[in-house]
Amino acid sequence: MVKNSKLKFLFFLLILFINTKTLFANTHFYTVEESQRKGVGIKGLNQKSTKHFRELYMADSKIKWLSDVLIDSIPYRPYIKSQLKKKKMPLCLQYLPIVESNYKVTAVSSSGATGLWQFMENSMSPYMKKNWWYDERYDPWKETDAALHKLLDNYKTFGDWAFALAAYNMGAGAIKRIQKAHPGKDFWYLAENGYIRKETAEYVPKLLAIADIIDNAEYWGLIQIAACDKMIYGLAPETFDYINITGKISLEKISSVTEIDFETLKKLNPALIKNYTPPEMTWKLRVPKGSAKEAAEKLRQLKKQNTK
């Protein structure tokens, strides 16, 4: 009888534990006082649309997705953050590639927008170039420089980061026309009253919601997000050497001659979509730090042999 009573009690505790775990599985607790919740550098955290997307992104499935994206961002965010600090731009812009591409270097949208920052071909100039041999949108470092340049140009034009972001998404000319039709109105008024197209009206609050979740992960009780974000803490931007290559040569040949791993060369030079340096021009080939001098000498020897 005593034995059965103990078993029933243990079974009761087990059921209580399971039910309690289920009850709180989707609950996120505040672990930091409200006064310690940080801003993200751009106004709009308390807008209705931002709150909507914050709640959406705090669902368990979205937290898993966001954690995975933060891990994918590790090779690029140290460089992006360093450039944002250098240019004195809001650090929350480091999360814009989450909205744009899920931090996928090879991302291509149905409309042809390409890379981390999703440049359309008609918006590349004067920031980047492409031809049959290369497409600089696939280069995360070059496309980052281009995106920050463009965002800063937009900010100088509009004097407001929400409008600068909206212009990045739908074009500066379109935003100017909307402002002209509704003088004195801010982005949030125009977005929430249907004067800005739906995609762009959601673009800015999506960024702010994601930034709030990551930058205030401990406040929201999102330990997994905080842990993934901290993976880049203390990481310096990756540095490289460069070799000037004149004329067409395959990355496979360069790898064979220089003994630099072929996959490493591809990873460091993703703009070379044909795996060849382009003919009739000089290309700055990115190589691992400390390898340029020896690699360049080996390539010079190859060129001498080929000209004999």
C-alpha atoms as a PDB file:
ATOM      1  CA  MET A   1       0.000   0.000   0.000  1.00  0.00           C
ATOM      2  CA  VAL A   2       2.798   2.380   0.948  1.00  0.00           C
ATOM      3  CA  LYS A   3       4.675   1.378  -2.170  1.00  0.00           C
ATOM      4  CA  ASN A   4       1.637   2.110  -4.364  1.00  0.00           C
ATOM      5  CA  SER A   5       1.136   5.462  -2.645  1.00  0.00           C
ATOM      6  CA  LYS A   6       4.728   6.457  -3.356  1.00  0.00           C
ATOM      7  CA  LEU A   7       4.372   5.465  -6.998  1.00  0.00           C
ATOM      8  CA  LYS A   8       1.177   7.498  -7.336  1.00  0.00           C
ATOM      9  CA  PHE A   9       2.887  10.506  -5.711  1.00  0.00           C
ATOM     10  CA  LEU A  10       5.874  10.240  -8.070  1.00  0.00           C
ATOM     11  CA  PHE A  11       3.527   9.898 -11.035  1.00  0.00           C
ATOM     12  CA  PHE A  12       1.660  13.009  -9.850  1.00  0.00           C
ATOM     13  CA  LEU A  13       4.922  14.974  -9.693  1.00  0.00           C
ATOM     14  CA  LEU A  14       5.858  13.808 -13.191  1.00  0.00           C
ATOM     15  CA  ILE A  15       2.510  14.922 -14.627  1.00  0.00           C
ATOM     16  CA  LEU A  16       2.804  18.247 -12.789  1.00  0.00           C
ATOM     17  CA  PHE A  17       6.304  18.765 -14.246  1.00  0.00           C
ATOM     18  CA  ILE A  18       5.164  17.970 -17.799  1.00  0.00           C
ATOM     19  CA  ASN A  19       2.128  20.238 -17.556  1.00  0.00           C
ATOM     20  CA  THR A  20       4.192  23.065 -16.063  1.00  0.00           C
ATOM     21  CA  LYS A  21       6.806  22.709 -18.805  1.00  0.00           C
ATOM     22  CA  THR A  22       4.083  22.800 -21.473  1.00  0.00           C
ATOM     23  CA  LEU A  23       2.416  25.778 -19.867  1.00  0.00           C
ATOM     24  CA  PHE A  24       5.580  27.881 -19.902  1.00  0.00           C
ATOM     25  CA  ALA A  25       7.179  26.517 -23.069  1.00  0.00           C
ATOM     26  CA  ASN A  26       6.166  29.564 -25.097  1.00  0.00           C
ATOM     27  CA  THR A  27       6.529  32.089 -22.305  1.00  0.00           C
ATOM     28  CA  HIS A  28       9.429  34.584 -22.332  1.00  0.00           C
ATOM     29  CA  PHE A  29      10.216  36.158 -18.986  1.00  0.00           C
ATOM     30  CA  TYR A  30      11.674  39.597 -18.406  1.00  0.00           C
ATOM     31  CA  THR A  31      15.022  39.121 -16.674  1.00  0.00           C
ATOM     32  CA  VAL A  32      16.225  42.715 -16.781  1.00  0.00           C
ATOM     33  CA  GLU A  33      14.447  45.779 -15.440  1.00  0.00           C
ATOM     34  CA  GLU A  34      12.576  47.926 -17.990  1.00  0.00           C
ATOM     35  CA  SER A  35      14.966  50.793 -17.318  1.00  0.00           C
ATOM     36  CA  GLN A  36      17.809  48.618 -18.636  1.00  0.00           C
ATOM     37  CA  ARG A  37      16.164  47.907 -21.977  1.00  0.00           C
ATOM     38  CA  LYS A  38      18.336  49.499 -24.645  1.00  0.00           C
ATOM     39  CA  GLY A  39      17.313  51.538 -27.623  1.00  0.00           C
ATOM     40  CA  VAL A  40      18.557  50.403 -31.028  1.00  0.00           C
ATOM     41  CA  GLY A  41      19.628  53.733 -32.521  1.00  0.00           C
ATOM     42  CA  ILE A  42      16.560  54.309 -34.695  1.00  0.00           C
ATOM     43  CA  LYS A  43      13.217  55.533 -33.352  1.00  0.00           C
ATOM     44  CA  GLY A  44      10.122  53.370 -33.621  1.00  0.00           C
ATOM     45  CA  LEU A  45      10.431  50.540 -31.096  1.00  0.00           C
ATOM     46  CA  ASN A  46       7.038  51.351 -29.599  1.00  0.00           C
ATOM     47  CA  GLN A  47       5.181  51.685 -32.881  1.00  0.00           C
ATOM     48  CA  LYS A  48       2.263  49.299 -33.329  1.00  0.00           C
ATOM     49  CA  SER A  49       3.817  47.610 -36.371  1.00  0.00           C
ATOM     50  CA  THR A  50       7.149  47.085 -34.595  1.00  0.00           C
ATOM     51  CA  LYS A  51       5.376  45.495 -31.639  1.00  0.00           C
ATOM     52  CA  HIS A  52       3.481  43.234 -34.040  1.00  0.00           C
ATOM     53  CA  PHE A  53       6.657  41.912 -35.658  1.00  0.00           C
ATOM     54  CA  ARG A  54       8.437  41.611 -32.317  1.00  0.00           C
ATOM     55  CA  GLU A  55       5.667  39.348 -31.038  1.00  0.00           C
ATOM     56  CA  LEU A  56       5.770  37.391 -34.300  1.00  0.00           C
ATOM     57  CA  TYR A  57       9.537  36.875 -34.142  1.00  0.00           C
ATOM     58  CA  MET A  58       9.383  35.777 -30.497  1.00  0.00           C
ATOM     59  CA  ALA A  59       7.445  32.619 -31.343  1.00  0.00           C
ATOM     60  CA  ASP A  60       9.530  29.502 -30.667  1.00  0.00           C
ATOM     61  CA  SER A  61       9.888  28.623 -34.365  1.00  0.00           C
ATOM     62  CA  LYS A  62      11.123  32.131 -35.150  1.00  0.00           C
ATOM     63  CA  ILE A  63      13.574  32.099 -32.244  1.00  0.00           C
ATOM     64  CA  LYS A  64      15.101  28.925 -33.706  1.00  0.00           C
ATOM     65  CA  TRP A  65      15.275  30.591 -37.136  1.00  0.00           C
ATOM     66  CA  LEU A  66      16.819  33.768 -35.728  1.00  0.00           C
ATOM     67  CA  SER A  67      19.391  31.776 -33.743  1.00  0.00           C
ATOM     68  CA  ASP A  68      20.436  29.930 -36.902  1.00  0.00           C
ATOM     69  CA  VAL A  69      20.721  33.185 -38.846  1.00  0.00           C
ATOM     70  CA  LEU A  70      22.899  34.733 -36.137  1.00  0.00           C
ATOM     71  CA  ILE A  71      25.252  31.759 -36.391  1.00  0.00           C
ATOM     72  CA  ASP A  72      25.374  32.175 -40.183  1.00  0.00           C
ATOM     73  CA  SER A  73      26.221  35.859 -39.693  1.00  0.00           C
ATOM     74  CA  ILE A  74      29.404  35.189 -37.691  1.00  0.00           C
ATOM     75  CA  PRO A  75      31.844  35.473 -40.648  1.00  0.00           C
ATOM     76  CA  TYR A  76      30.427  38.865 -41.680  1.00  0.00           C
ATOM     77  CA  ARG A  77      29.066  40.811 -38.702  1.00  0.00           C
ATOM     78  CA  PRO A  78      32.457  41.749 -37.177  1.00  0.00           C
ATOM     79  CA  TYR A  79      33.329  43.539 -40.423  1.00  0.00           C
ATOM     80  CA  ILE A  80      29.880  45.114 -40.754  1.00  0.00           C
ATOM     81  CA  LYS A  81      29.924  46.352 -37.146  1.00  0.00           C
ATOM     82  CA  SER A  82      33.412  47.808 -37.568  1.00  0.00           C
ATOM     83  CA  GLN A  83      32.309  49.734 -40.653  1.00  0.00           C
ATOM     84  CA  LEU A  84      29.131  50.987 -38.982  1.00  0.00           C
ATOM     85  CA  LYS A  85      31.182  52.290 -36.053  1.00  0.00           C
ATOM     86  CA  LYS A  86      33.700  53.870 -38.409  1.00  0.00           C
ATOM     87  CA  LYS A  87      30.939  55.670 -40.323  1.00  0.00           C
ATOM     88  CA  LYS A  88      29.006  56.500 -37.115  1.00  0.00           C
ATOM     89  CA  MET A  89      25.885  54.737 -38.359  1.00  0.00           C
ATOM     90  CA  PRO A  90      23.312  52.953 -36.148  1.00  0.00           C
ATOM     91  CA  LEU A  91      24.627  49.530 -35.148  1.00  0.00           C
ATOM     92  CA  CYS A  92      21.183  48.003 -35.623  1.00  0.00           C
ATOM     93  CA  LEU A  93      21.870  48.149 -39.367  1.00  0.00           C
ATOM     94  CA  GLN A  94      24.025  45.040 -38.884  1.00  0.00           C
ATOM     95  CA  TYR A  95      20.702  43.148 -38.753  1.00  0.00           C
ATOM     96  CA  LEU A  96      19.407  44.427 -42.083  1.00  0.00           C
ATOM     97  CA  PRO A  97      20.833  41.405 -43.956  1.00  0.00           C
ATOM     98  CA  ILE A  98      18.544  39.255 -41.785  1.00  0.00           C
ATOM     99  CA  VAL A  99      15.553  41.050 -43.280  1.00  0.00           C
ATOM    100  CA  GLU A 100      17.108  41.054 -46.738  1.00  0.00           C
ATOM    101  CA  SER A 101      18.672  37.616 -47.182  1.00  0.00           C
ATOM    102  CA  ASN A 102      18.797  35.649 -43.913  1.00  0.00           C
ATOM    103  CA  TYR A 103      22.526  36.432 -44.082  1.00  0.00           C
ATOM    104  CA  LYS A 104      22.956  34.212 -47.156  1.00  0.00           C
ATOM    105  CA  VAL A 105      25.735  35.420 -49.471  1.00  0.00           C
ATOM    106  CA  THR A 106      24.292  33.475 -52.415  1.00  0.00           C
ATOM    107  CA  ALA A 107      20.682  34.603 -51.893  1.00  0.00           C
ATOM    108  CA  VAL A 108      18.840  35.602 -55.072  1.00  0.00           C
ATOM    109  CA  SER A 109      15.251  36.824 -54.882  1.00  0.00           C
ATOM    110  CA  SER A 110      12.539  36.119 -57.436  1.00  0.00           C
ATOM    111  CA  SER A 111      13.093  39.647 -58.787  1.00  0.00           C
ATOM    112  CA  GLY A 112      16.855  39.157 -59.123  1.00  0.00           C
ATOM    113  CA  ALA A 113      18.059  40.975 -55.995  1.00  0.00           C
ATOM    114  CA  THR A 114      21.352  39.338 -55.020  1.00  0.00           C
ATOM    115  CA  GLY A 115      23.675  38.848 -52.057  1.00  0.00           C
ATOM    116  CA  LEU A 116      23.600  39.659 -48.351  1.00  0.00           C
ATOM    117  CA  TRP A 117      22.217  43.124 -49.009  1.00  0.00           C
ATOM    118  CA  GLN A 118      20.038  42.207 -52.015  1.00  0.00           C
ATOM    119  CA  PHE A 119      21.091  44.746 -54.624  1.00  0.00           C
ATOM    120  CA  MET A 120      19.145  44.764 -57.866  1.00  0.00           C
ATOM    121  CA  GLU A 121      21.267  44.966 -61.001  1.00  0.00           C
ATOM    122  CA  ASN A 122      19.844  48.398 -61.862  1.00  0.00           C
ATOM    123  CA  SER A 123      20.819  49.753 -58.426  1.00  0.00           C
ATOM    124  CA  MET A 124      24.453  48.593 -58.425  1.00  0.00           C
ATOM    125  CA  SER A 125      25.931  51.727 -59.991  1.00  0.00           C
ATOM    126  CA  PRO A 126      28.012  53.544 -58.827  1.00  0.00           C
ATOM    127  CA  TYR A 127      28.696  51.191 -55.933  1.00  0.00           C
ATOM    128  CA  MET A 128      29.506  47.867 -57.649  1.00  0.00           C
ATOM    129  CA  LYS A 129      30.103  46.289 -61.052  1.00  0.00           C
ATOM    130  CA  LYS A 130      29.291  43.066 -62.864  1.00  0.00           C
ATOM    131  CA  ASN A 131      29.831  41.415 -66.210  1.00  0.00           C
ATOM    132  CA  TRP A 132      29.865  37.877 -67.594  1.00  0.00           C
ATOM    133  CA  TRP A 133      32.916  36.975 -65.479  1.00  0.00           C
ATOM    134  CA  TYR A 134      32.111  38.532 -62.123  1.00  0.00           C
ATOM    135  CA  ASP A 135      29.291  39.959 -60.029  1.00  0.00           C
ATOM    136  CA  GLU A 136      30.405  41.984 -57.020  1.00  0.00           C
ATOM    137  CA  ARG A 137      27.037  41.529 -55.317  1.00  0.00           C
ATOM    138  CA  TYR A 138      28.171  38.039 -54.318  1.00  0.00           C
ATOM    139  CA  ASP A 139      31.163  39.495 -52.462  1.00  0.00           C
ATOM    140  CA  PRO A 140      29.925  40.138 -48.899  1.00  0.00           C
ATOM    141  CA  TRP A 141      32.681  42.636 -48.151  1.00  0.00           C
ATOM    142  CA  LYS A 142      32.218  44.674 -51.323  1.00  0.00           C
ATOM    143  CA  GLU A 143      28.442  44.533 -51.095  1.00  0.00           C
ATOM    144  CA  THR A 144      28.593  45.623 -47.444  1.00  0.00           C
ATOM    145  CA  ASP A 145      30.659  48.668 -48.419  1.00  0.00           C
ATOM    146  CA  ALA A 146      28.168  49.436 -51.186  1.00  0.00           C
ATOM    147  CA  ALA A 147      25.101  49.004 -48.939  1.00  0.00           C
ATOM    148  CA  LEU A 148      26.461  51.225 -46.165  1.00  0.00           C
ATOM    149  CA  HIS A 149      27.471  53.849 -48.720  1.00  0.00           C
ATOM    150  CA  LYS A 150      23.986  53.802 -50.188  1.00  0.00           C
ATOM    151  CA  LEU A 151      22.267  53.917 -46.787  1.00  0.00           C
ATOM    152  CA  LEU A 152      24.452  56.834 -45.720  1.00  0.00           C
ATOM    153  CA  ASP A 153      23.677  58.655 -48.976  1.00  0.00           C
ATOM    154  CA  ASN A 154      19.970  58.113 -48.253  1.00  0.00           C
ATOM    155  CA  TYR A 155      20.347  59.446 -44.729  1.00  0.00           C
ATOM    156  CA  LYS A 156      22.114  62.560 -46.016  1.00  0.00           C
ATOM    157  CA  THR A 157      19.218  63.054 -48.432  1.00  0.00           C
ATOM    158  CA  PHE A 158      16.346  62.536 -45.973  1.00  0.00           C
ATOM    159  CA  GLY A 159      17.919  63.294 -42.565  1.00  0.00           C
ATOM    160  CA  ASP A 160      15.961  60.413 -41.047  1.00  0.00           C
ATOM    161  CA  TRP A 161      16.948  56.737 -40.738  1.00  0.00           C
ATOM    162  CA  ALA A 162      13.430  55.369 -41.209  1.00  0.00           C
ATOM    163  CA  PHE A 163      13.145  57.208 -44.530  1.00  0.00           C
ATOM    164  CA  ALA A 164      16.714  56.199 -45.439  1.00  0.00           C
ATOM    165  CA  LEU A 165      15.768  52.548 -44.963  1.00  0.00           C
ATOM    166  CA  ALA A 166      12.511  52.970 -46.853  1.00  0.00           C
ATOM    167  CA  ALA A 167      14.456  54.519 -49.739  1.00  0.00           C
ATOM    168  CA  TYR A 168      16.882  51.581 -49.686  1.00  0.00           C
ATOM    169  CA  ASN A 169      13.903  49.268 -50.119  1.00  0.00           C
ATOM    170  CA  MET A 170      11.808  51.130 -52.703  1.00  0.00           C
ATOM    171  CA  GLY A 171      14.059  53.849 -54.104  1.00  0.00           C
ATOM    172  CA  ALA A 172      14.832  57.416 -53.099  1.00  0.00           C
ATOM    173  CA  GLY A 173      12.774  58.854 -55.959  1.00  0.00           C
ATOM    174  CA  ALA A 174       9.620  57.078 -54.797  1.00  0.00           C
ATOM    175  CA  ILE A 175      10.071  58.303 -51.216  1.00  0.00           C
ATOM    176  CA  LYS A 176      10.617  61.874 -52.418  1.00  0.00           C
ATOM    177  CA  ARG A 177       7.368  61.751 -54.378  1.00  0.00           C
ATOM    178  CA  ILE A 178       5.459  60.466 -51.342  1.00  0.00           C
ATOM    179  CA  GLN A 179       6.970  63.176 -49.127  1.00  0.00           C
ATOM    180  CA  LYS A 180       6.041  65.825 -51.674  1.00  0.00           C
ATOM    181  CA  ALA A 181       2.439  64.624 -51.677  1.00  0.00           C
ATOM    182  CA  HIS A 182       2.309  64.564 -47.849  1.00  0.00           C
ATOM    183  CA  PRO A 183       4.621  67.308 -46.561  1.00  0.00           C
ATOM    184  CA  GLY A 184       5.671  67.230 -42.920  1.00  0.00           C
ATOM    185  CA  LYS A 185       4.550  63.633 -42.276  1.00  0.00           C
ATOM    186  CA  ASP A 186       7.019  61.121 -40.828  1.00  0.00           C
ATOM    187  CA  PHE A 187       7.609  57.578 -42.040  1.00  0.00           C
ATOM    188  CA  TRP A 188       5.332  56.015 -39.421  1.00  0.00           C
ATOM    189  CA  TYR A 189       2.348  58.183 -40.315  1.00  0.00           C
ATOM    190  CA  LEU A 190       2.796  57.456 -44.019  1.00  0.00           C
ATOM    191  CA  ALA A 191       3.330  53.727 -43.457  1.00  0.00           C
ATOM    192  CA  GLU A 192       0.429  53.228 -41.066  1.00  0.00           C
ATOM    193  CA  ASN A 193      -1.994  55.184 -43.255  1.00  0.00           C
ATOM    194  CA  GLY A 194      -1.251  53.289 -46.451  1.00  0.00           C
ATOM    195  CA  TYR A 195       0.735  55.954 -48.285  1.00  0.00           C
ATOM    196  CA  ILE A 196       3.796  53.695 -48.506  1.00  0.00           C
ATOM    197  CA  ARG A 197       3.564  50.287 -50.162  1.00  0.00           C
ATOM    198  CA  LYS A 198       3.064  47.303 -47.829  1.00  0.00           C
ATOM    199  CA  GLU A 199       6.515  45.745 -48.352  1.00  0.00           C
ATOM    200  CA  THR A 200       8.299  48.961 -47.407  1.00  0.00           C
ATOM    201  CA  ALA A 201       5.846  49.812 -44.612  1.00  0.00           C
ATOM    202  CA  GLU A 202       6.790  46.468 -43.011  1.00  0.00           C
ATOM    203  CA  TYR A 203      10.501  46.667 -43.871  1.00  0.00           C
ATOM    204  CA  VAL A 204      11.483  49.188 -41.190  1.00  0.00           C
ATOM    205  CA  PRO A 205       9.475  47.700 -38.278  1.00  0.00           C
ATOM    206  CA  LYS A 206      10.806  44.233 -39.132  1.00  0.00           C
ATOM    207  CA  LEU A 207      14.368  45.518 -38.748  1.00  0.00           C
ATOM    208  CA  LEU A 208      13.593  47.320 -35.491  1.00  0.00           C
ATOM    209  CA  ALA A 209      11.780  44.293 -34.054  1.00  0.00           C
ATOM    210  CA  ILE A 210      14.722  42.010 -34.833  1.00  0.00           C
ATOM    211  CA  ALA A 211      17.199  44.532 -33.430  1.00  0.00           C
ATOM    212  CA  ASP A 212      15.146  44.867 -30.230  1.00  0.00           C
ATOM    213  CA  ILE A 213      15.004  41.102 -29.754  1.00  0.00           C
ATOM    214  CA  ILE A 214      18.756  40.626 -30.266  1.00  0.00           C
ATOM    215  CA  ASP A 215      20.068  43.715 -28.481  1.00  0.00           C
ATOM    216  CA  ASN A 216      17.669  43.178 -25.566  1.00  0.00           C
ATOM    217  CA  ALA A 217      17.675  39.384 -25.564  1.00  0.00           C
ATOM    218  CA  GLU A 218      18.346  39.187 -21.827  1.00  0.00           C
ATOM    219  CA  TYR A 219      15.518  41.618 -21.103  1.00  0.00           C
ATOM    220  CA  TRP A 220      13.138  39.450 -23.087  1.00  0.00           C
ATOM    221  CA  GLY A 221      14.497  36.304 -21.439  1.00  0.00           C
ATOM    222  CA  LEU A 222      15.776  34.910 -24.735  1.00  0.00           C
ATOM    223  CA  ILE A 223      18.910  33.163 -23.524  1.00  0.00           C
ATOM    224  CA  GLN A 224      19.424  31.270 -26.796  1.00  0.00           C
ATOM    225  CA  ILE A 225      19.429  34.494 -28.803  1.00  0.00           C
ATOM    226  CA  ALA A 226      21.795  36.173 -26.344  1.00  0.00           C
ATOM    227  CA  ALA A 227      24.198  33.221 -26.561  1.00  0.00           C
ATOM    228  CA  CYS A 228      24.208  33.219 -30.377  1.00  0.00           C
ATOM    229  CA  ASP A 229      24.702  36.989 -30.508  1.00  0.00           C
ATOM    230  CA  LYS A 230      27.671  36.795 -28.133  1.00  0.00           C
ATOM    231  CA  MET A 231      29.484  34.399 -30.460  1.00  0.00           C
ATOM    232  CA  ILE A 232      30.951  37.409 -32.289  1.00  0.00           C
ATOM    233  CA  TYR A 233      31.999  39.255 -29.120  1.00  0.00           C
ATOM    234  CA  GLY A 234      35.720  39.961 -29.245  1.00  0.00           C
ATOM    235  CA  LEU A 235      36.044  38.793 -32.857  1.00  0.00           C
ATOM    236  CA  ALA A 236      38.008  41.168 -35.066  1.00  0.00           C
ATOM    237  CA  PRO A 237      37.063  41.512 -38.732  1.00  0.00           C
ATOM    238  CA  GLU A 238      38.827  38.918 -40.842  1.00  0.00           C
ATOM    239  CA  THR A 239      41.826  40.324 -42.698  1.00  0.00           C
ATOM    240  CA  PHE A 240      43.285  39.238 -46.029  1.00  0.00           C
ATOM    241  CA  ASP A 241      46.073  39.829 -48.482  1.00  0.00           C
ATOM    242  CA  TYR A 242      45.597  40.673 -52.154  1.00  0.00           C
ATOM    243  CA  ILE A 243      47.376  39.729 -55.358  1.00  0.00           C
ATOM    244  CA  ASN A 244      46.966  41.677 -58.581  1.00  0.00           C
ATOM    245  CA  ILE A 245      46.132  39.243 -61.374  1.00  0.00           C
ATOM    246  CA  THR A 246      46.214  40.591 -64.925  1.00  0.00           C
ATOM    247  CA  GLY A 247      44.204  38.652 -67.458  1.00  0.00           C
ATOM    248  CA  LYS A 248      42.246  35.422 -67.374  1.00  0.00           C
ATOM    249  CA  ILE A 249      43.373  32.520 -65.185  1.00  0.00           C
ATOM    250  CA  SER A 250      41.307  29.887 -63.401  1.00  0.00           C
ATOM    251  CA  LEU A 251      41.099  29.670 -59.643  1.00  0.00           C
ATOM    252  CA  GLU A 252      41.903  25.987 -60.038  1.00  0.00           C
ATOM    253  CA  LYS A 253      45.192  26.867 -61.723  1.00  0.00           C
ATOM    254  CA  ILE A 254      45.975  29.529 -59.120  1.00  0.00           C
ATOM    255  CA  SER A 255      45.308  26.967 -56.392  1.00  0.00           C
ATOM    256  CA  SER A 256      47.575  24.416 -58.039  1.00  0.00           C
ATOM    257  CA  VAL A 257      50.452  26.867 -58.485  1.00  0.00           C
ATOM    258  CA  THR A 258      50.202  28.683 -55.145  1.00  0.00           C
ATOM    259  CA  GLU A 259      49.116  25.659 -53.040  1.00  0.00           C
ATOM    260  CA  ILE A 260      46.255  27.714 -51.611  1.00  0.00           C
ATOM    261  CA  ASP A 261      43.194  25.510 -51.171  1.00  0.00           C
ATOM    262  CA  PHE A 262      40.757  25.864 -54.084  1.00  0.00           C
ATOM    263  CA  GLU A 263      37.681  26.086 -51.834  1.00  0.00           C
ATOM    264  CA  THR A 264      39.404  28.806 -49.806  1.00  0.00           C
ATOM    265  CA  LEU A 265      40.031  30.826 -52.960  1.00  0.00           C
ATOM    266  CA  LYS A 266      36.391  30.431 -53.989  1.00  0.00           C
ATOM    267  CA  LYS A 267      35.162  31.467 -50.554  1.00  0.00           C
ATOM    268  CA  LEU A 268      37.399  34.541 -50.483  1.00  0.00           C
ATOM    269  CA  ASN A 269      36.508  35.570 -54.049  1.00  0.00           C
ATOM    270  CA  PRO A 270      32.796  34.803 -54.443  1.00  0.00           C
ATOM    271  CA  ALA A 271      32.366  37.574 -57.027  1.00  0.00           C
ATOM    272  CA  LEU A 272      34.248  35.412 -59.547  1.00  0.00           C
ATOM    273  CA  ILE A 273      31.141  33.568 -60.670  1.00  0.00           C
ATOM    274  CA  LYS A 274      32.962  31.657 -63.438  1.00  0.00           C
ATOM    275  CA  ASN A 275      35.932  30.746 -61.194  1.00  0.00           C
ATOM    276  CA  TYR A 276      38.230  32.700 -63.506  1.00  0.00           C
ATOM    277  CA  THR A 277      39.801  36.109 -63.118  1.00  0.00           C
ATOM    278  CA  PRO A 278      38.374  38.314 -65.896  1.00  0.00           C
ATOM    279  CA  PRO A 279      40.352  38.854 -69.121  1.00  0.00           C
ATOM    280  CA  GLU A 280      41.686  42.211 -70.267  1.00  0.00           C
ATOM    281  CA  MET A 281      41.820  43.751 -66.788  1.00  0.00           C
ATOM    282  CA  THR A 282      43.670  43.530 -63.487  1.00  0.00           C
ATOM    283  CA  TRP A 283      41.773  41.784 -60.701  1.00  0.00           C
ATOM    284  CA  LYS A 284      42.591  42.096 -56.995  1.00  0.00           C
ATOM    285  CA  LEU A 285      42.488  38.486 -55.847  1.00  0.00           C
ATOM    286  CA  ARG A 286      41.805  38.009 -52.141  1.00  0.00           C
ATOM    287  CA  VAL A 287      44.069  35.419 -50.471  1.00  0.00           C
ATOM    288  CA  PRO A 288      44.663  34.298 -46.853  1.00  0.00           C
ATOM    289  CA  LYS A 289      46.618  36.694 -44.686  1.00  0.00           C
ATOM    290  CA  GLY A 290      50.368  36.184 -44.983  1.00  0.00           C
ATOM    291  CA  SER A 291      50.240  34.222 -48.228  1.00  0.00           C
ATOM    292  CA  ALA A 292      50.399  36.981 -50.842  1.00  0.00           C
ATOM    293  CA  LYS A 293      54.156  37.381 -51.243  1.00  0.00           C
ATOM    294  CA  GLU A 294      54.914  33.710 -51.839  1.00  0.00           C
ATOM    295  CA  ALA A 295      51.809  33.187 -53.988  1.00  0.00           C
ATOM    296  CA  ALA A 296      52.592  36.214 -56.160  1.00  0.00           C
ATOM    297  CA  GLU A 297      56.136  34.966 -56.748  1.00  0.00           C
ATOM    298  CA  LYS A 298      54.894  31.534 -57.820  1.00  0.00           C
ATOM    299  CA  LEU A 299      52.442  33.140 -60.252  1.00  0.00           C
ATOM    300  CA  ARG A 300      55.224  35.324 -61.680  1.00  0.00           C
ATOM    301  CA  GLN A 301      57.304  32.197 -62.309  1.00  0.00           C
ATOM    302  CA  LEU A 302      54.325  30.608 -64.068  1.00  0.00           C
ATOM    303  CA  LYS A 303      53.905  33.671 -66.281  1.00  0.00           C
ATOM    304  CA  LYS A 304      57.633  33.576 -67.216  1.00  0.00           C
ATOM    305  CA  GLN A 305      57.343  29.914 -68.209  1.00  0.00           C
ATOM    306  CA  ASN A 306      54.313  30.622 -70.357  1.00  0.00           C
ATOM    307  CA  THR A 307      56.041  33.472 -72.210  1.00  0.00           C
ATOM    308  CA  LYS A 308      59.139  31.489 -73.139  1.00  0.00           C
END
